[in-house]
């Protein structure tokens, strides 16, 4: 199978991207050796894309949960204020009626 110049550049570019991604994933640990082939680079590129998309999804879910948390806390504070106000009124009424 002959590789065209464009395919070679694409594979080299993809390989560089994969290496950068692997360095990010493994941090200070050594990157495991793998056979650099078009198929391996393609698989790793797809894996990197999948993981990055998943990280974005998780980030969006976390933002949503934080927003819900703020909303529930505000609703809880409002409910607490209403309960305290009503309880205070009940206590005042009880004091007046018990005399």
C-alpha atoms as a PDB file:
ATOM      1  CA  UNK A   1       0.000   0.000   0.000  1.00  0.00           C
ATOM      2  CA  UNK A   2       1.433   3.361  -1.001  1.00  0.00           C
ATOM      3  CA  UNK A   3       0.972   6.335   1.277  1.00  0.00           C
ATOM      4  CA  UNK A   4       0.451   9.646  -0.432  1.00  0.00           C
ATOM      5  CA  UNK A   5       2.301  12.738   0.752  1.00  0.00           C
ATOM      6  CA  UNK A   6      -0.964  14.204   2.110  1.00  0.00           C
ATOM      7  CA  UNK A   7      -1.729  11.016   4.060  1.00  0.00           C
ATOM      8  CA  UNK A   8       1.790  11.017   5.473  1.00  0.00           C
ATOM      9  CA  UNK A   9       1.392  14.637   6.629  1.00  0.00           C
ATOM     10  CA  UNK A  10      -2.032  13.848   8.082  1.00  0.00           C
ATOM     11  CA  UNK A  11      -0.664  10.844   9.971  1.00  0.00           C
ATOM     12  CA  UNK A  12       2.303  12.883  11.215  1.00  0.00           C
ATOM     13  CA  UNK A  13      -0.022  15.686  12.343  1.00  0.00           C
ATOM     14  CA  UNK A  14      -2.353  13.167  14.015  1.00  0.00           C
ATOM     15  CA  UNK A  15       0.604  11.421  15.609  1.00  0.00           C
ATOM     16  CA  UNK A  16       1.809  14.731  17.052  1.00  0.00           C
ATOM     17  CA  UNK A  17      -1.697  15.408  18.401  1.00  0.00           C
ATOM     18  CA  UNK A  18      -1.872  11.936  19.903  1.00  0.00           C
ATOM     19  CA  UNK A  19       1.531  12.371  21.544  1.00  0.00           C
ATOM     20  CA  UNK A  20       0.433  15.710  23.032  1.00  0.00           C
ATOM     21  CA  UNK A  21      -2.795  14.153  24.308  1.00  0.00           C
ATOM     22  CA  UNK A  22      -0.943  11.155  25.770  1.00  0.00           C
ATOM     23  CA  UNK A  23       1.463  13.495  27.588  1.00  0.00           C
ATOM     24  CA  UNK A  24      -1.554  15.298  29.048  1.00  0.00           C
ATOM     25  CA  UNK A  25      -3.166  12.007  30.105  1.00  0.00           C
ATOM     26  CA  UNK A  26      -0.059  10.413  31.620  1.00  0.00           C
ATOM     27  CA  UNK A  27       1.372  13.600  33.122  1.00  0.00           C
ATOM     28  CA  UNK A  28       4.772  12.877  34.674  1.00  0.00           C
ATOM     29  CA  UNK A  29       4.506   9.134  34.047  1.00  0.00           C
ATOM     30  CA  UNK A  30       6.179   7.685  30.963  1.00  0.00           C
ATOM     31  CA  UNK A  31       3.926   7.102  27.973  1.00  0.00           C
ATOM     32  CA  UNK A  32       3.651   3.388  27.213  1.00  0.00           C
ATOM     33  CA  UNK A  33       5.265   2.445  23.937  1.00  0.00           C
ATOM     34  CA  UNK A  34       3.005   1.586  21.069  1.00  0.00           C
ATOM     35  CA  UNK A  35       3.491   0.765  17.437  1.00  0.00           C
ATOM     36  CA  UNK A  36       3.058   4.018  15.527  1.00  0.00           C
ATOM     37  CA  UNK A  37       0.892   2.994  12.632  1.00  0.00           C
ATOM     38  CA  UNK A  38      -1.937   4.700  10.837  1.00  0.00           C
ATOM     39  CA  UNK A  39      -4.445   2.398  12.545  1.00  0.00           C
ATOM     40  CA  UNK A  40      -2.996   2.945  16.037  1.00  0.00           C
ATOM     41  CA  UNK A  41      -2.900   6.718  15.567  1.00  0.00           C
ATOM     42  CA  UNK A  42      -6.463   6.676  14.206  1.00  0.00           C
ATOM     43  CA  UNK A  43      -7.724   4.667  17.192  1.00  0.00           C
ATOM     44  CA  UNK A  44      -5.936   6.933  19.661  1.00  0.00           C
ATOM     45  CA  UNK A  45      -7.300  10.050  17.895  1.00  0.00           C
ATOM     46  CA  UNK A  46     -10.844   8.702  18.175  1.00  0.00           C
ATOM     47  CA  UNK A  47     -10.262   7.787  21.816  1.00  0.00           C
ATOM     48  CA  UNK A  48      -8.944  11.293  22.552  1.00  0.00           C
ATOM     49  CA  UNK A  49     -11.968  12.874  20.840  1.00  0.00           C
ATOM     50  CA  UNK A  50     -14.342  10.625  22.781  1.00  0.00           C
ATOM     51  CA  UNK A  51     -12.704  11.360  26.125  1.00  0.00           C
ATOM     52  CA  UNK A  52     -12.584  15.109  25.491  1.00  0.00           C
ATOM     53  CA  UNK A  53     -16.281  15.085  24.535  1.00  0.00           C
ATOM     54  CA  UNK A  54     -17.086  13.087  27.666  1.00  0.00           C
ATOM     55  CA  UNK A  55     -15.118  15.564  29.817  1.00  0.00           C
ATOM     56  CA  UNK A  56     -17.169  18.403  28.302  1.00  0.00           C
ATOM     57  CA  UNK A  57     -20.397  16.508  29.013  1.00  0.00           C
ATOM     58  CA  UNK A  58     -19.375  15.892  32.620  1.00  0.00           C
ATOM     59  CA  UNK A  59     -18.428  19.548  32.991  1.00  0.00           C
ATOM     60  CA  UNK A  60     -21.872  20.612  31.745  1.00  0.00           C
ATOM     61  CA  UNK A  61     -23.594  18.185  34.124  1.00  0.00           C
ATOM     62  CA  UNK A  62     -21.539  19.529  37.030  1.00  0.00           C
ATOM     63  CA  UNK A  63     -22.454  23.120  36.129  1.00  0.00           C
ATOM     64  CA  UNK A  64     -26.120  22.117  36.004  1.00  0.00           C
ATOM     65  CA  UNK A  65     -25.913  20.412  39.391  1.00  0.00           C
ATOM     66  CA  UNK A  66     -24.253  23.473  40.913  1.00  0.00           C
ATOM     67  CA  UNK A  67     -27.047  25.655  39.520  1.00  0.00           C
ATOM     68  CA  UNK A  68     -29.715  23.307  40.891  1.00  0.00           C
ATOM     69  CA  UNK A  69     -27.949  23.347  44.242  1.00  0.00           C
ATOM     70  CA  UNK A  70     -28.109  27.159  44.337  1.00  0.00           C
ATOM     71  CA  UNK A  71     -31.786  27.118  43.364  1.00  0.00           C
ATOM     72  CA  UNK A  72     -32.692  24.501  45.990  1.00  0.00           C
ATOM     73  CA  UNK A  73     -30.751  26.376  48.650  1.00  0.00           C
ATOM     74  CA  UNK A  74     -32.566  29.618  47.792  1.00  0.00           C
ATOM     75  CA  UNK A  75     -35.908  27.783  47.860  1.00  0.00           C
ATOM     76  CA  UNK A  76     -34.979  26.210  51.196  1.00  0.00           C
ATOM     77  CA  UNK A  77     -34.079  29.587  52.644  1.00  0.00           C
ATOM     78  CA  UNK A  78     -37.404  30.999  51.438  1.00  0.00           C
ATOM     79  CA  UNK A  79     -39.300  28.072  52.955  1.00  0.00           C
ATOM     80  CA  UNK A  80     -37.400  28.468  56.208  1.00  0.00           C
ATOM     81  CA  UNK A  81     -38.308  32.155  56.346  1.00  0.00           C
ATOM     82  CA  UNK A  82     -41.992  31.346  55.751  1.00  0.00           C
ATOM     83  CA  UNK A  83     -42.003  28.636  58.425  1.00  0.00           C
ATOM     84  CA  UNK A  84     -40.281  30.902  60.943  1.00  0.00           C
ATOM     85  CA  UNK A  85     -42.707  33.739  60.185  1.00  0.00           C
ATOM     86  CA  UNK A  86     -45.734  31.452  60.542  1.00  0.00           C
ATOM     87  CA  UNK A  87     -44.331  29.843  63.673  1.00  0.00           C
ATOM     88  CA  UNK A  88     -43.704  33.278  65.161  1.00  0.00           C
ATOM     89  CA  UNK A  89     -47.288  34.321  64.411  1.00  0.00           C
ATOM     90  CA  UNK A  90     -48.589  31.086  65.957  1.00  0.00           C
ATOM     91  CA  UNK A  91     -46.550  31.650  69.098  1.00  0.00           C
ATOM     92  CA  UNK A  92     -47.798  35.219  69.409  1.00  0.00           C
ATOM     93  CA  UNK A  93     -51.390  34.035  68.985  1.00  0.00           C
ATOM     94  CA  UNK A  94     -50.860  31.270  71.554  1.00  0.00           C
ATOM     95  CA  UNK A  95     -49.424  33.751  74.093  1.00  0.00           C
ATOM     96  CA  UNK A  96     -52.402  36.091  73.658  1.00  0.00           C
ATOM     97  CA  UNK A  97     -54.998  33.306  73.775  1.00  0.00           C
ATOM     98  CA  UNK A  98     -53.434  31.595  76.781  1.00  0.00           C
ATOM     99  CA  UNK A  99     -53.786  34.681  79.015  1.00  0.00           C
END
